[in-house]
Amino acid sequence: KVAGFDFGVCNNPEFLREGSSVHDFYNPPKTVIGESDPKSGDILASLYANIDAPLIRTEMEVSEMVKYADNNWHAVKEAFANEIGSICKGIPS
């Protein structure tokens, strides 16, 4: 069997924060669907019909990269905040 022909495959990365995942699910910054074929993407997109957020439909590889880029961006922000904190601790008050 061949994905996208005999059956569909989708990738739907989540963007949920620890401690607020239910709220984040219903109020996402975006919904990303990577799809092997439009029919499969349509079925998955129908689950989000009542969610008021941008819906991005793309190839699966792109949807995976969007998740990786978001995760790295959040890690960079946290590392930057930690570095600023370390600098501030070293400044006499």
PDB file of N, CA and C in Angstrom:
ATOM      1  N   LYS A   1       0.842  -1.184   0.000  1.00  0.00           N
ATOM      2  CA  LYS A   1       0.000   0.000   0.000  1.00  0.00           C
ATOM      3  C   LYS A   1       0.889   1.249   0.000  1.00  0.00           C
ATOM      4  N   VAL A   2       0.351   2.328  -0.574  1.00  0.00           N
ATOM      5  CA  VAL A   2       1.117   3.557  -0.739  1.00  0.00           C
ATOM      6  C   VAL A   2       0.414   4.696  -0.003  1.00  0.00           C
ATOM      7  N   ALA A   3       1.171   5.379   0.867  1.00  0.00           N
ATOM      8  CA  ALA A   3       0.618   6.527   1.593  1.00  0.00           C
ATOM      9  C   ALA A   3       0.229   7.612   0.608  1.00  0.00           C
ATOM     10  N   GLY A   4      -0.945   8.204   0.819  1.00  0.00           N
ATOM     11  CA  GLY A   4      -1.427   9.252  -0.057  1.00  0.00           C
ATOM     12  C   GLY A   4      -2.250   8.717  -1.215  1.00  0.00           C
ATOM     13  N   PHE A   5      -2.212   7.395  -1.403  1.00  0.00           N
ATOM     14  CA  PHE A   5      -2.999   6.776  -2.472  1.00  0.00           C
ATOM     15  C   PHE A   5      -3.950   5.735  -1.884  1.00  0.00           C
ATOM     16  N   ASP A   6      -3.398   4.732  -1.198  1.00  0.00           N
ATOM     17  CA  ASP A   6      -4.213   3.690  -0.568  1.00  0.00           C
ATOM     18  C   ASP A   6      -4.711   4.094   0.821  1.00  0.00           C
ATOM     19  N   PHE A   7      -3.998   4.974   1.455  1.00  0.00           N
ATOM     20  CA  PHE A   7      -4.374   5.489   2.770  1.00  0.00           C
ATOM     21  C   PHE A   7      -3.704   6.840   2.963  1.00  0.00           C
ATOM     22  N   GLY A   8      -4.218   7.619   3.889  1.00  0.00           N
ATOM     23  CA  GLY A   8      -3.667   8.946   4.122  1.00  0.00           C
ATOM     24  C   GLY A   8      -2.859   9.013   5.402  1.00  0.00           C
ATOM     25  N   VAL A   9      -1.950   9.961   5.425  1.00  0.00           N
ATOM     26  CA  VAL A   9      -1.119  10.209   6.602  1.00  0.00           C
ATOM     27  C   VAL A   9      -1.075  11.712   6.833  1.00  0.00           C
ATOM     28  N   CYS A  10      -1.229  12.104   8.089  1.00  0.00           N
ATOM     29  CA  CYS A  10      -1.109  13.521   8.447  1.00  0.00           C
ATOM     30  C   CYS A  10      -0.188  13.661   9.653  1.00  0.00           C
ATOM     31  N   ASN A  11       0.438  14.797   9.755  1.00  0.00           N
ATOM     32  CA  ASN A  11       1.233  15.170  10.917  1.00  0.00           C
ATOM     33  C   ASN A  11       0.592  16.428  11.467  1.00  0.00           C
ATOM     34  N   ASN A  12       0.274  16.413  12.757  1.00  0.00           N
ATOM     35  CA  ASN A  12      -0.425  17.531  13.383  1.00  0.00           C
ATOM     36  C   ASN A  12       0.320  17.915  14.670  1.00  0.00           C
ATOM     37  N   PRO A  13       1.419  18.684  14.541  1.00  0.00           N
ATOM     38  CA  PRO A  13       2.188  19.025  15.741  1.00  0.00           C
ATOM     39  C   PRO A  13       1.368  19.856  16.715  1.00  0.00           C
ATOM     40  N   GLU A  14       1.594  19.601  17.991  1.00  0.00           N
ATOM     41  CA  GLU A  14       0.872  20.360  19.024  1.00  0.00           C
ATOM     42  C   GLU A  14       1.735  21.512  19.519  1.00  0.00           C
ATOM     43  N   PHE A  15       1.063  22.544  19.976  1.00  0.00           N
ATOM     44  CA  PHE A  15       1.734  23.723  20.522  1.00  0.00           C
ATOM     45  C   PHE A  15       1.111  24.019  21.884  1.00  0.00           C
ATOM     46  N   LEU A  16       1.273  23.084  22.815  1.00  0.00           N
ATOM     47  CA  LEU A  16       0.661  23.175  24.134  1.00  0.00           C
ATOM     48  C   LEU A  16       1.735  23.429  25.184  1.00  0.00           C
ATOM     49  N   ARG A  17       1.399  24.315  26.114  1.00  0.00           N
ATOM     50  CA  ARG A  17       2.322  24.600  27.204  1.00  0.00           C
ATOM     51  C   ARG A  17       1.948  23.763  28.415  1.00  0.00           C
ATOM     52  N   GLU A  18       2.951  23.400  29.196  1.00  0.00           N
ATOM     53  CA  GLU A  18       2.715  22.652  30.412  1.00  0.00           C
ATOM     54  C   GLU A  18       1.906  23.516  31.378  1.00  0.00           C
ATOM     55  N   GLY A  19       0.854  22.957  31.924  1.00  0.00           N
ATOM     56  CA  GLY A  19       0.041  23.685  32.901  1.00  0.00           C
ATOM     57  C   GLY A  19      -1.141  24.428  32.302  1.00  0.00           C
ATOM     58  N   SER A  20      -1.179  24.572  30.980  1.00  0.00           N
ATOM     59  CA  SER A  20      -2.313  25.275  30.355  1.00  0.00           C
ATOM     60  C   SER A  20      -2.709  24.591  29.041  1.00  0.00           C
ATOM     61  N   SER A  21      -2.509  23.278  28.978  1.00  0.00           N
ATOM     62  CA  SER A  21      -2.702  22.565  27.711  1.00  0.00           C
ATOM     63  C   SER A  21      -4.151  22.563  27.240  1.00  0.00           C
ATOM     64  N   VAL A  22      -5.123  22.446  28.138  1.00  0.00           N
ATOM     65  CA  VAL A  22      -6.522  22.446  27.700  1.00  0.00           C
ATOM     66  C   VAL A  22      -6.883  23.808  27.115  1.00  0.00           C
ATOM     67  N   HIS A  23      -6.504  24.865  27.807  1.00  0.00           N
ATOM     68  CA  HIS A  23      -6.746  26.217  27.294  1.00  0.00           C
ATOM     69  C   HIS A  23      -6.029  26.418  25.962  1.00  0.00           C
ATOM     70  N   ASP A  24      -4.787  25.973  25.884  1.00  0.00           N
ATOM     71  CA  ASP A  24      -4.005  26.131  24.655  1.00  0.00           C
ATOM     72  C   ASP A  24      -4.614  25.358  23.488  1.00  0.00           C
ATOM     73  N   PHE A  25      -5.209  24.195  23.777  1.00  0.00           N
ATOM     74  CA  PHE A  25      -5.827  23.417  22.700  1.00  0.00           C
ATOM     75  C   PHE A  25      -6.984  24.195  22.077  1.00  0.00           C
ATOM     76  N   TYR A  26      -7.793  24.828  22.900  1.00  0.00           N
ATOM     77  CA  TYR A  26      -8.954  25.566  22.389  1.00  0.00           C
ATOM     78  C   TYR A  26      -8.617  26.982  21.926  1.00  0.00           C
ATOM     79  N   ASN A  27      -7.435  27.465  22.265  1.00  0.00           N
ATOM     80  CA  ASN A  27      -6.998  28.808  21.887  1.00  0.00           C
ATOM     81  C   ASN A  27      -5.574  28.782  21.348  1.00  0.00           C
ATOM     82  N   PRO A  28      -5.330  28.020  20.291  1.00  0.00           N
ATOM     83  CA  PRO A  28      -3.955  27.885  19.801  1.00  0.00           C
ATOM     84  C   PRO A  28      -3.499  29.107  19.021  1.00  0.00           C
ATOM     85  N   PRO A  29      -2.187  29.345  18.988  1.00  0.00           N
ATOM     86  CA  PRO A  29      -1.677  30.436  18.160  1.00  0.00           C
ATOM     87  C   PRO A  29      -1.821  30.103  16.675  1.00  0.00           C
ATOM     88  N   LYS A  30      -1.813  28.787  16.389  1.00  0.00           N
ATOM     89  CA  LYS A  30      -1.976  28.315  15.017  1.00  0.00           C
ATOM     90  C   LYS A  30      -2.234  26.812  15.082  1.00  0.00           C
ATOM     91  N   THR A  31      -2.825  26.292  14.017  1.00  0.00           N
ATOM     92  CA  THR A  31      -2.982  24.855  13.861  1.00  0.00           C
ATOM     93  C   THR A  31      -2.268  24.474  12.575  1.00  0.00           C
ATOM     94  N   VAL A  32      -1.348  23.535  12.674  1.00  0.00           N
ATOM     95  CA  VAL A  32      -0.549  23.123  11.526  1.00  0.00           C
ATOM     96  C   VAL A  32      -0.890  21.676  11.173  1.00  0.00           C
ATOM     97  N   ILE A  33      -1.187  21.462   9.908  1.00  0.00           N
ATOM     98  CA  ILE A  33      -1.466  20.112   9.413  1.00  0.00           C
ATOM     99  C   ILE A  33      -0.526  19.818   8.255  1.00  0.00           C
ATOM    100  N   GLY A  34       0.300  18.804   8.436  1.00  0.00           N
ATOM    101  CA  GLY A  34       1.102  18.278   7.341  1.00  0.00           C
ATOM    102  C   GLY A  34       0.344  17.103   6.762  1.00  0.00           C
ATOM    103  N   GLU A  35       0.145  17.081   5.461  1.00  0.00           N
ATOM    104  CA  GLU A  35      -0.720  16.058   4.879  1.00  0.00           C
ATOM    105  C   GLU A  35      -0.058  15.371   3.688  1.00  0.00           C
ATOM    106  N   SER A  36      -0.318  14.064   3.570  1.00  0.00           N
ATOM    107  CA  SER A  36       0.177  13.318   2.415  1.00  0.00           C
ATOM    108  C   SER A  36      -0.721  13.544   1.201  1.00  0.00           C
ATOM    109  N   ASP A  37      -1.982  13.912   1.476  1.00  0.00           N
ATOM    110  CA  ASP A  37      -2.941  14.143   0.393  1.00  0.00           C
ATOM    111  C   ASP A  37      -4.072  15.033   0.916  1.00  0.00           C
ATOM    112  N   PRO A  38      -4.735  15.775   0.035  1.00  0.00           N
ATOM    113  CA  PRO A  38      -5.789  16.707   0.457  1.00  0.00           C
ATOM    114  C   PRO A  38      -6.965  16.052   1.175  1.00  0.00           C
ATOM    115  N   LYS A  39      -7.353  14.847   0.776  1.00  0.00           N
ATOM    116  CA  LYS A  39      -8.492  14.175   1.420  1.00  0.00           C
ATOM    117  C   LYS A  39      -8.204  13.933   2.905  1.00  0.00           C
ATOM    118  N   SER A  40      -7.014  13.438   3.212  1.00  0.00           N
ATOM    119  CA  SER A  40      -6.637  13.206   4.604  1.00  0.00           C
ATOM    120  C   SER A  40      -6.572  14.516   5.373  1.00  0.00           C
ATOM    121  N   GLY A  41      -6.009  15.550   4.733  1.00  0.00           N
ATOM    122  CA  GLY A  41      -5.953  16.869   5.367  1.00  0.00           C
ATOM    123  C   GLY A  41      -7.337  17.418   5.639  1.00  0.00           C
ATOM    124  N   ASP A  42      -8.284  17.196   4.738  1.00  0.00           N
ATOM    125  CA  ASP A  42      -9.665  17.655   4.943  1.00  0.00           C
ATOM    126  C   ASP A  42     -10.285  16.997   6.169  1.00  0.00           C
ATOM    127  N   ILE A  43     -10.062  15.692   6.311  1.00  0.00           N
ATOM    128  CA  ILE A  43     -10.621  14.969   7.459  1.00  0.00           C
ATOM    129  C   ILE A  43     -10.046  15.515   8.758  1.00  0.00           C
ATOM    130  N   LEU A  44      -8.729  15.703   8.816  1.00  0.00           N
ATOM    131  CA  LEU A  44      -8.107  16.233  10.029  1.00  0.00           C
ATOM    132  C   LEU A  44      -8.533  17.672  10.280  1.00  0.00           C
ATOM    133  N   ALA A  45      -8.588  18.488   9.242  1.00  0.00           N
ATOM    134  CA  ALA A  45      -8.979  19.897   9.402  1.00  0.00           C
ATOM    135  C   ALA A  45     -10.398  20.017   9.951  1.00  0.00           C
ATOM    136  N   SER A  46     -11.265  19.053   9.632  1.00  0.00           N
ATOM    137  CA  SER A  46     -12.646  19.118  10.125  1.00  0.00           C
ATOM    138  C   SER A  46     -12.709  19.043  11.646  1.00  0.00           C
ATOM    139  N   LEU A  47     -11.702  18.424  12.271  1.00  0.00           N
ATOM    140  CA  LEU A  47     -11.664  18.377  13.736  1.00  0.00           C
ATOM    141  C   LEU A  47     -11.464  19.763  14.352  1.00  0.00           C
ATOM    142  N   TYR A  48     -10.896  20.670  13.583  1.00  0.00           N
ATOM    143  CA  TYR A  48     -10.583  22.010  14.074  1.00  0.00           C
ATOM    144  C   TYR A  48     -11.553  23.071  13.537  1.00  0.00           C
ATOM    145  N   ALA A  49     -12.690  22.644  12.987  1.00  0.00           N
ATOM    146  CA  ALA A  49     -13.635  23.567  12.346  1.00  0.00           C
ATOM    147  C   ALA A  49     -14.121  24.658  13.297  1.00  0.00           C
ATOM    148  N   ASN A  50     -14.241  24.355  14.579  1.00  0.00           N
ATOM    149  CA  ASN A  50     -14.760  25.335  15.548  1.00  0.00           C
ATOM    150  C   ASN A  50     -13.670  26.035  16.341  1.00  0.00           C
ATOM    151  N   ILE A  51     -12.428  25.848  15.958  1.00  0.00           N
ATOM    152  CA  ILE A  51     -11.301  26.494  16.639  1.00  0.00           C
ATOM    153  C   ILE A  51     -10.938  27.752  15.869  1.00  0.00           C
ATOM    154  N   ASP A  52     -10.948  28.884  16.579  1.00  0.00           N
ATOM    155  CA  ASP A  52     -10.646  30.169  15.951  1.00  0.00           C
ATOM    156  C   ASP A  52      -9.142  30.418  15.990  1.00  0.00           C
ATOM    157  N   ALA A  53      -8.454  29.912  14.978  1.00  0.00           N
ATOM    158  CA  ALA A  53      -7.001  30.087  14.875  1.00  0.00           C
ATOM    159  C   ALA A  53      -6.612  29.896  13.419  1.00  0.00           C
ATOM    160  N   PRO A  54      -5.494  30.476  13.015  1.00  0.00           N
ATOM    161  CA  PRO A  54      -5.022  30.231  11.649  1.00  0.00           C
ATOM    162  C   PRO A  54      -4.787  28.736  11.426  1.00  0.00           C
ATOM    163  N   LEU A  55      -5.257  28.232  10.295  1.00  0.00           N
ATOM    164  CA  LEU A  55      -5.061  26.838   9.933  1.00  0.00           C
ATOM    165  C   LEU A  55      -4.069  26.787   8.781  1.00  0.00           C
ATOM    166  N   ILE A  56      -2.944  26.123   9.029  1.00  0.00           N
ATOM    167  CA  ILE A  56      -1.875  26.029   8.037  1.00  0.00           C
ATOM    168  C   ILE A  56      -1.814  24.585   7.558  1.00  0.00           C
ATOM    169  N   ARG A  57      -2.058  24.392   6.264  1.00  0.00           N
ATOM    170  CA  ARG A  57      -1.983  23.060   5.667  1.00  0.00           C
ATOM    171  C   ARG A  57      -0.800  23.036   4.710  1.00  0.00           C
ATOM    172  N   THR A  58       0.039  22.027   4.880  1.00  0.00           N
ATOM    173  CA  THR A  58       1.281  21.986   4.125  1.00  0.00           C
ATOM    174  C   THR A  58       1.763  20.540   3.985  1.00  0.00           C
ATOM    175  N   GLU A  59       2.941  20.375   3.426  1.00  0.00           N
ATOM    176  CA  GLU A  59       3.558  19.058   3.356  1.00  0.00           C
ATOM    177  C   GLU A  59       3.987  18.626   4.761  1.00  0.00           C
ATOM    178  N   MET A  60       4.091  17.326   4.969  1.00  0.00           N
ATOM    179  CA  MET A  60       4.445  16.822   6.304  1.00  0.00           C
ATOM    180  C   MET A  60       5.821  17.305   6.757  1.00  0.00           C
ATOM    181  N   GLU A  61       6.780  17.347   5.832  1.00  0.00           N
ATOM    182  CA  GLU A  61       8.131  17.787   6.220  1.00  0.00           C
ATOM    183  C   GLU A  61       8.123  19.233   6.700  1.00  0.00           C
ATOM    184  N   VAL A  62       7.310  20.067   6.083  1.00  0.00           N
ATOM    185  CA  VAL A  62       7.218  21.472   6.493  1.00  0.00           C
ATOM    186  C   VAL A  62       6.578  21.576   7.872  1.00  0.00           C
ATOM    187  N   SER A  63       5.530  20.796   8.114  1.00  0.00           N
ATOM    188  CA  SER A  63       4.873  20.852   9.423  1.00  0.00           C
ATOM    189  C   SER A  63       5.824  20.400  10.530  1.00  0.00           C
ATOM    190  N   GLU A  64       6.660  19.421  10.239  1.00  0.00           N
ATOM    191  CA  GLU A  64       7.651  18.987  11.220  1.00  0.00           C
ATOM    192  C   GLU A  64       8.669  20.094  11.488  1.00  0.00           C
ATOM    193  N   MET A  65       9.104  20.781  10.436  1.00  0.00           N
ATOM    194  CA  MET A  65      10.084  21.848  10.612  1.00  0.00           C
ATOM    195  C   MET A  65       9.489  23.023  11.374  1.00  0.00           C
ATOM    196  N   VAL A  66       8.206  23.302  11.167  1.00  0.00           N
ATOM    197  CA  VAL A  66       7.548  24.372  11.927  1.00  0.00           C
ATOM    198  C   VAL A  66       7.630  24.064  13.417  1.00  0.00           C
ATOM    199  N   LYS A  67       7.380  22.822  13.792  1.00  0.00           N
ATOM    200  CA  LYS A  67       7.452  22.424  15.204  1.00  0.00           C
ATOM    201  C   LYS A  67       8.880  22.565  15.741  1.00  0.00           C
ATOM    202  N   TYR A  68       9.860  22.084  14.962  1.00  0.00           N
ATOM    203  CA  TYR A  68      11.262  22.206  15.390  1.00  0.00           C
ATOM    204  C   TYR A  68      11.665  23.674  15.546  1.00  0.00           C
ATOM    205  N   ALA A  69      11.258  24.509  14.605  1.00  0.00           N
ATOM    206  CA  ALA A  69      11.610  25.933  14.668  1.00  0.00           C
ATOM    207  C   ALA A  69      10.976  26.589  15.884  1.00  0.00           C
ATOM    208  N   ASP A  70       9.704  26.292  16.162  1.00  0.00           N
ATOM    209  CA  ASP A  70       9.046  26.856  17.349  1.00  0.00           C
ATOM    210  C   ASP A  70       9.753  26.411  18.626  1.00  0.00           C
ATOM    211  N   ASN A  71      10.055  25.120  18.727  1.00  0.00           N
ATOM    212  CA  ASN A  71      10.731  24.623  19.931  1.00  0.00           C
ATOM    213  C   ASN A  71      12.080  25.307  20.125  1.00  0.00           C
ATOM    214  N   ASN A  72      12.833  25.470  19.049  1.00  0.00           N
ATOM    215  CA  ASN A  72      14.139  26.118  19.164  1.00  0.00           C
ATOM    216  C   ASN A  72      14.009  27.590  19.516  1.00  0.00           C
ATOM    217  N   TRP A  73      13.019  28.265  18.968  1.00  0.00           N
ATOM    218  CA  TRP A  73      12.805  29.672  19.292  1.00  0.00           C
ATOM    219  C   TRP A  73      12.525  29.837  20.783  1.00  0.00           C
ATOM    220  N   HIS A  74      11.680  28.963  21.345  1.00  0.00           N
ATOM    221  CA  HIS A  74      11.382  29.049  22.780  1.00  0.00           C
ATOM    222  C   HIS A  74      12.626  28.745  23.620  1.00  0.00           C
ATOM    223  N   ALA A  75      13.447  27.808  23.177  1.00  0.00           N
ATOM    224  CA  ALA A  75      14.688  27.500  23.898  1.00  0.00           C
ATOM    225  C   ALA A  75      15.648  28.682  23.869  1.00  0.00           C
ATOM    226  N   VAL A  76      15.745  29.365  22.732  1.00  0.00           N
ATOM    227  CA  VAL A  76      16.618  30.543  22.624  1.00  0.00           C
ATOM    228  C   VAL A  76      16.139  31.644  23.569  1.00  0.00           C
ATOM    229  N   LYS A  77      14.824  31.864  23.642  1.00  0.00           N
ATOM    230  CA  LYS A  77      14.294  32.899  24.541  1.00  0.00           C
ATOM    231  C   LYS A  77      14.605  32.573  26.002  1.00  0.00           C
ATOM    232  N   GLU A  78      14.473  31.301  26.364  1.00  0.00           N
ATOM    233  CA  GLU A  78      14.753  30.900  27.742  1.00  0.00           C
ATOM    234  C   GLU A  78      16.240  31.046  28.060  1.00  0.00           C
ATOM    235  N   ALA A  79      17.094  30.640  27.143  1.00  0.00           N
ATOM    236  CA  ALA A  79      18.541  30.769  27.347  1.00  0.00           C
ATOM    237  C   ALA A  79      18.932  32.241  27.463  1.00  0.00           C
ATOM    238  N   PHE A  80      18.331  33.100  26.631  1.00  0.00           N
ATOM    239  CA  PHE A  80      18.620  34.529  26.693  1.00  0.00           C
ATOM    240  C   PHE A  80      18.205  35.103  28.057  1.00  0.00           C
ATOM    241  N   ALA A  81      17.013  34.736  28.516  1.00  0.00           N
ATOM    242  CA  ALA A  81      16.545  35.225  29.817  1.00  0.00           C
ATOM    243  C   ALA A  81      17.469  34.756  30.940  1.00  0.00           C
ATOM    244  N   ASN A  82      17.938  33.517  30.860  1.00  0.00           N
ATOM    245  CA  ASN A  82      18.868  33.012  31.877  1.00  0.00           C
ATOM    246  C   ASN A  82      20.188  33.772  31.860  1.00  0.00           C
ATOM    247  N   GLU A  83      20.688  34.098  30.672  1.00  0.00           N
ATOM    248  CA  GLU A  83      21.940  34.852  30.566  1.00  0.00           C
ATOM    249  C   GLU A  83      21.769  36.263  31.144  1.00  0.00           C
ATOM    250  N   ILE A  84      20.669  36.903  30.838  1.00  0.00           N
ATOM    251  CA  ILE A  84      20.401  38.238  31.398  1.00  0.00           C
ATOM    252  C   ILE A  84      20.328  38.159  32.917  1.00  0.00           C
ATOM    253  N   GLY A  85      19.668  37.114  33.418  1.00  0.00           N
ATOM    254  CA  GLY A  85      19.602  36.921  34.874  1.00  0.00           C
ATOM    255  C   GLY A  85      20.988  36.774  35.486  1.00  0.00           C
ATOM    256  N   SER A  86      21.844  36.013  34.834  1.00  0.00           N
ATOM    257  CA  SER A  86      23.222  35.815  35.341  1.00  0.00           C
ATOM    258  C   SER A  86      23.987  37.136  35.342  1.00  0.00           C
ATOM    259  N   ILE A  87      23.823  37.933  34.296  1.00  0.00           N
ATOM    260  CA  ILE A  87      24.491  39.247  34.232  1.00  0.00           C
ATOM    261  C   ILE A  87      23.996  40.125  35.364  1.00  0.00           C
ATOM    262  N   CYS A  88      22.685  40.142  35.556  1.00  0.00           N
ATOM    263  CA  CYS A  88      22.107  40.998  36.613  1.00  0.00           C
ATOM    264  C   CYS A  88      22.577  40.600  37.999  1.00  0.00           C
ATOM    265  N   LYS A  89      22.744  39.306  38.246  1.00  0.00           N
ATOM    266  CA  LYS A  89      23.231  38.847  39.541  1.00  0.00           C
ATOM    267  C   LYS A  89      24.655  39.345  39.815  1.00  0.00           C
ATOM    268  N   GLY A  90      25.424  39.524  38.736  1.00  0.00           N
ATOM    269  CA  GLY A  90      26.807  39.965  38.888  1.00  0.00           C
ATOM    270  C   GLY A  90      26.964  41.463  39.036  1.00  0.00           C
ATOM    271  N   ILE A  91      25.912  42.236  38.837  1.00  0.00           N
ATOM    272  CA  ILE A  91      25.998  43.697  38.943  1.00  0.00           C
ATOM    273  C   ILE A  91      25.702  44.101  40.381  1.00  0.00           C
ATOM    274  N   PRO A  92      26.619  44.840  40.998  1.00  0.00           N
ATOM    275  CA  PRO A  92      26.367  45.290  42.389  1.00  0.00           C
ATOM    276  C   PRO A  92      25.174  46.260  42.423  1.00  0.00           C
ATOM    277  N   SER A  93      24.370  46.120  43.461  1.00  0.00           N
ATOM    278  CA  SER A  93      23.209  47.012  43.575  1.00  0.00           C
ATOM    279  C   SER A  93      23.443  48.186  44.473  1.00  0.00           C
TER     280      SER A  93
END
